Amino acid sequence: MRRVALVAVALMLGGCAPAAPADPEPVVATFEVAGDETYKVELATPELIEHAQQLLAGEQVAAIPNGTVVRDDPGVNEPWSWHIDPATLEFADMTIEVCDGIPSYVEVGTVTSDQYCPWSAKIIAIDGLPD
């Protein structure tokens, strides 16, 4: 009888296996460009998160977000149709002019470079930070 009860419990628990842990939400920085438009970038490393926090706090560190544009995939950057590849994001003091512009210029193809580096970008929020 005891064996039957153990089998029954094992069968019941088999259907109640714990769910796989959900992927954590990405840490996302929101940038305002030219005081007019915003776009979002995933911060893929602790170093990028720390750097973005320094910018948000007003510290004097490299401030121009620069990364490779991935077109036809909004990622974390909705409602735009593109995002910055998080593995390529860096912050620079200076960049070339060809990658500068506002997010809508990337959207419509005015910024033709595969890099996007808006000189006037200001970080205005960081979402998804762990508690």
C-alpha atoms as a PDB file:
ATOM      1  CA  MET A   1       0.000   0.000   0.000  1.00  0.00           C
ATOM      2  CA  ARG A   2       2.785   2.390   0.878  1.00  0.00           C
ATOM      3  CA  ARG A   3       4.427   1.768  -2.493  1.00  0.00           C
ATOM      4  CA  VAL A   4       1.164   2.578  -4.308  1.00  0.00           C
ATOM      5  CA  ALA A   5       0.887   5.855  -2.399  1.00  0.00           C
ATOM      6  CA  LEU A   6       4.462   6.839  -3.312  1.00  0.00           C
ATOM      7  CA  VAL A   7       3.840   6.057  -6.974  1.00  0.00           C
ATOM      8  CA  ALA A   8       0.623   8.095  -6.902  1.00  0.00           C
ATOM      9  CA  VAL A   9       2.427  11.063  -5.337  1.00  0.00           C
ATOM     10  CA  ALA A  10       5.254  10.783  -7.870  1.00  0.00           C
ATOM     11  CA  LEU A  11       2.754  10.751 -10.738  1.00  0.00           C
ATOM     12  CA  MET A  12       0.942  13.793  -9.348  1.00  0.00           C
ATOM     13  CA  LEU A  13       4.176  15.722  -8.906  1.00  0.00           C
ATOM     14  CA  GLY A  14       5.337  14.808 -12.407  1.00  0.00           C
ATOM     15  CA  GLY A  15       2.597  17.038 -13.817  1.00  0.00           C
ATOM     16  CA  CYS A  16       3.549  19.850 -11.439  1.00  0.00           C
ATOM     17  CA  ALA A  17       7.196  20.229 -12.269  1.00  0.00           C
ATOM     18  CA  PRO A  18       8.537  23.669 -11.453  1.00  0.00           C
ATOM     19  CA  ALA A  19       8.546  26.057 -14.362  1.00  0.00           C
ATOM     20  CA  ALA A  20      11.860  27.056 -15.855  1.00  0.00           C
ATOM     21  CA  PRO A  21      13.019  30.426 -14.549  1.00  0.00           C
ATOM     22  CA  ALA A  22      12.015  33.294 -16.790  1.00  0.00           C
ATOM     23  CA  ASP A  23      14.715  35.268 -18.532  1.00  0.00           C
ATOM     24  CA  PRO A  24      15.410  38.410 -16.546  1.00  0.00           C
ATOM     25  CA  GLU A  25      14.223  41.657 -18.067  1.00  0.00           C
ATOM     26  CA  PRO A  26      17.048  43.500 -19.811  1.00  0.00           C
ATOM     27  CA  VAL A  27      18.435  46.703 -18.361  1.00  0.00           C
ATOM     28  CA  VAL A  28      17.460  49.421 -20.819  1.00  0.00           C
ATOM     29  CA  ALA A  29      18.679  53.009 -21.100  1.00  0.00           C
ATOM     30  CA  THR A  30      16.429  55.650 -22.617  1.00  0.00           C
ATOM     31  CA  PHE A  31      18.106  58.523 -24.443  1.00  0.00           C
ATOM     32  CA  GLU A  32      16.609  61.851 -25.464  1.00  0.00           C
ATOM     33  CA  VAL A  33      18.097  63.246 -28.662  1.00  0.00           C
ATOM     34  CA  ALA A  34      18.014  66.945 -29.575  1.00  0.00           C
ATOM     35  CA  GLY A  35      15.415  67.473 -26.843  1.00  0.00           C
ATOM     36  CA  ASP A  36      12.812  66.021 -29.165  1.00  0.00           C
ATOM     37  CA  GLU A  37      12.956  62.265 -29.752  1.00  0.00           C
ATOM     38  CA  THR A  38      13.860  59.247 -27.631  1.00  0.00           C
ATOM     39  CA  TYR A  39      15.271  55.812 -28.281  1.00  0.00           C
ATOM     40  CA  LYS A  40      16.231  52.852 -26.090  1.00  0.00           C
ATOM     41  CA  VAL A  41      19.311  50.663 -25.875  1.00  0.00           C
ATOM     42  CA  GLU A  42      19.853  47.454 -23.939  1.00  0.00           C
ATOM     43  CA  LEU A  43      22.795  47.652 -21.528  1.00  0.00           C
ATOM     44  CA  ALA A  44      24.350  44.194 -21.843  1.00  0.00           C
ATOM     45  CA  THR A  45      27.186  44.359 -19.296  1.00  0.00           C
ATOM     46  CA  PRO A  46      27.661  45.556 -15.728  1.00  0.00           C
ATOM     47  CA  GLU A  47      30.233  48.059 -17.023  1.00  0.00           C
ATOM     48  CA  LEU A  48      27.711  49.621 -19.423  1.00  0.00           C
ATOM     49  CA  ILE A  49      25.099  49.764 -16.665  1.00  0.00           C
ATOM     50  CA  GLU A  50      27.566  51.508 -14.348  1.00  0.00           C
ATOM     51  CA  HIS A  51      28.570  53.951 -17.080  1.00  0.00           C
ATOM     52  CA  ALA A  52      24.921  54.771 -17.831  1.00  0.00           C
ATOM     53  CA  GLN A  53      24.277  55.337 -14.116  1.00  0.00           C
ATOM     54  CA  GLN A  54      27.224  57.739 -14.005  1.00  0.00           C
ATOM     55  CA  LEU A  55      25.763  59.654 -16.957  1.00  0.00           C
ATOM     56  CA  LEU A  56      22.339  59.788 -15.333  1.00  0.00           C
ATOM     57  CA  ALA A  57      23.977  61.148 -12.166  1.00  0.00           C
ATOM     58  CA  GLY A  58      25.595  63.933 -14.202  1.00  0.00           C
ATOM     59  CA  GLU A  59      29.160  62.674 -13.936  1.00  0.00           C
ATOM     60  CA  GLN A  60      31.663  63.760 -16.574  1.00  0.00           C
ATOM     61  CA  VAL A  61      32.284  60.523 -18.480  1.00  0.00           C
ATOM     62  CA  ALA A  62      32.152  59.659 -22.194  1.00  0.00           C
ATOM     63  CA  ALA A  63      28.586  60.479 -23.170  1.00  0.00           C
ATOM     64  CA  ILE A  64      27.950  59.665 -26.835  1.00  0.00           C
ATOM     65  CA  PRO A  65      26.226  56.278 -27.217  1.00  0.00           C
ATOM     66  CA  ASN A  66      27.645  54.515 -30.259  1.00  0.00           C
ATOM     67  CA  GLY A  67      26.661  51.132 -31.647  1.00  0.00           C
ATOM     68  CA  THR A  68      25.700  49.079 -34.680  1.00  0.00           C
ATOM     69  CA  VAL A  69      22.170  49.549 -36.024  1.00  0.00           C
ATOM     70  CA  VAL A  70      20.108  46.373 -36.473  1.00  0.00           C
ATOM     71  CA  ARG A  71      17.368  47.262 -38.939  1.00  0.00           C
ATOM     72  CA  ASP A  72      13.909  45.641 -39.226  1.00  0.00           C
ATOM     73  CA  ASP A  73      13.987  44.474 -35.590  1.00  0.00           C
ATOM     74  CA  PRO A  74      12.866  46.903 -32.871  1.00  0.00           C
ATOM     75  CA  GLY A  75      14.194  44.815 -29.971  1.00  0.00           C
ATOM     76  CA  VAL A  76      13.833  47.020 -26.866  1.00  0.00           C
ATOM     77  CA  ASN A  77      13.554  50.125 -29.060  1.00  0.00           C
ATOM     78  CA  GLU A  78       9.862  50.108 -29.975  1.00  0.00           C
ATOM     79  CA  PRO A  79       8.140  51.915 -31.612  1.00  0.00           C
ATOM     80  CA  TRP A  80      11.151  52.292 -33.921  1.00  0.00           C
ATOM     81  CA  SER A  81      11.803  49.481 -36.421  1.00  0.00           C
ATOM     82  CA  TRP A  82      15.500  49.209 -35.444  1.00  0.00           C
ATOM     83  CA  HIS A  83      17.678  48.795 -32.382  1.00  0.00           C
ATOM     84  CA  ILE A  84      21.328  49.031 -31.399  1.00  0.00           C
ATOM     85  CA  ASP A  85      23.118  45.688 -31.110  1.00  0.00           C
ATOM     86  CA  PRO A  86      23.832  45.565 -27.352  1.00  0.00           C
ATOM     87  CA  ALA A  87      27.115  43.726 -27.934  1.00  0.00           C
ATOM     88  CA  THR A  88      28.451  46.726 -29.889  1.00  0.00           C
ATOM     89  CA  LEU A  89      27.343  49.562 -27.605  1.00  0.00           C
ATOM     90  CA  GLU A  90      30.059  51.829 -26.269  1.00  0.00           C
ATOM     91  CA  PHE A  91      30.229  55.386 -24.989  1.00  0.00           C
ATOM     92  CA  ALA A  92      32.561  57.803 -26.751  1.00  0.00           C
ATOM     93  CA  ASP A  93      33.871  61.331 -26.229  1.00  0.00           C
ATOM     94  CA  MET A  94      33.961  61.975 -29.988  1.00  0.00           C
ATOM     95  CA  THR A  95      32.677  60.218 -33.116  1.00  0.00           C
ATOM     96  CA  ILE A  96      32.513  60.854 -36.840  1.00  0.00           C
ATOM     97  CA  GLU A  97      29.633  62.968 -38.109  1.00  0.00           C
ATOM     98  CA  VAL A  98      28.166  60.374 -40.481  1.00  0.00           C
ATOM     99  CA  CYS A  99      26.565  58.433 -37.588  1.00  0.00           C
ATOM    100  CA  ASP A 100      25.055  61.494 -35.862  1.00  0.00           C
ATOM    101  CA  GLY A 101      21.360  62.351 -36.118  1.00  0.00           C
ATOM    102  CA  ILE A 102      17.979  61.876 -34.504  1.00  0.00           C
ATOM    103  CA  PRO A 103      16.245  58.494 -34.203  1.00  0.00           C
ATOM    104  CA  SER A 104      13.762  59.289 -36.973  1.00  0.00           C
ATOM    105  CA  TYR A 105      16.730  59.814 -39.332  1.00  0.00           C
ATOM    106  CA  VAL A 106      17.775  56.216 -38.639  1.00  0.00           C
ATOM    107  CA  GLU A 107      14.169  55.109 -39.169  1.00  0.00           C
ATOM    108  CA  VAL A 108      13.836  56.669 -42.626  1.00  0.00           C
ATOM    109  CA  GLY A 109      17.400  55.955 -43.744  1.00  0.00           C
ATOM    110  CA  THR A 110      18.784  59.507 -43.623  1.00  0.00           C
ATOM    111  CA  VAL A 111      21.470  58.106 -41.312  1.00  0.00           C
ATOM    112  CA  THR A 112      22.895  55.560 -43.743  1.00  0.00           C
ATOM    113  CA  SER A 113      25.831  54.447 -41.616  1.00  0.00           C
ATOM    114  CA  ASP A 114      25.608  51.076 -39.910  1.00  0.00           C
ATOM    115  CA  GLN A 115      26.652  52.946 -36.732  1.00  0.00           C
ATOM    116  CA  TYR A 116      24.437  55.336 -34.795  1.00  0.00           C
ATOM    117  CA  CYS A 117      26.067  57.911 -32.525  1.00  0.00           C
ATOM    118  CA  PRO A 118      23.772  60.845 -31.694  1.00  0.00           C
ATOM    119  CA  TRP A 119      25.984  63.627 -30.382  1.00  0.00           C
ATOM    120  CA  SER A 120      23.148  65.361 -28.520  1.00  0.00           C
ATOM    121  CA  ALA A 121      21.902  62.201 -26.758  1.00  0.00           C
ATOM    122  CA  LYS A 122      21.204  62.579 -23.041  1.00  0.00           C
ATOM    123  CA  ILE A 123      20.322  59.621 -20.865  1.00  0.00           C
ATOM    124  CA  ILE A 124      16.973  60.232 -19.177  1.00  0.00           C
ATOM    125  CA  ALA A 125      16.115  56.833 -17.626  1.00  0.00           C
ATOM    126  CA  ILE A 126      17.425  53.361 -16.847  1.00  0.00           C
ATOM    127  CA  ASP A 127      14.809  50.622 -16.511  1.00  0.00           C
ATOM    128  CA  GLY A 128      15.145  47.025 -15.353  1.00  0.00           C
ATOM    129  CA  LEU A 129      17.832  47.526 -12.713  1.00  0.00           C
ATOM    130  CA  PRO A 130      17.869  44.717 -10.163  1.00  0.00           C
ATOM    131  CA  ASP A 131      16.597  45.679  -6.726  1.00  0.00           C
END
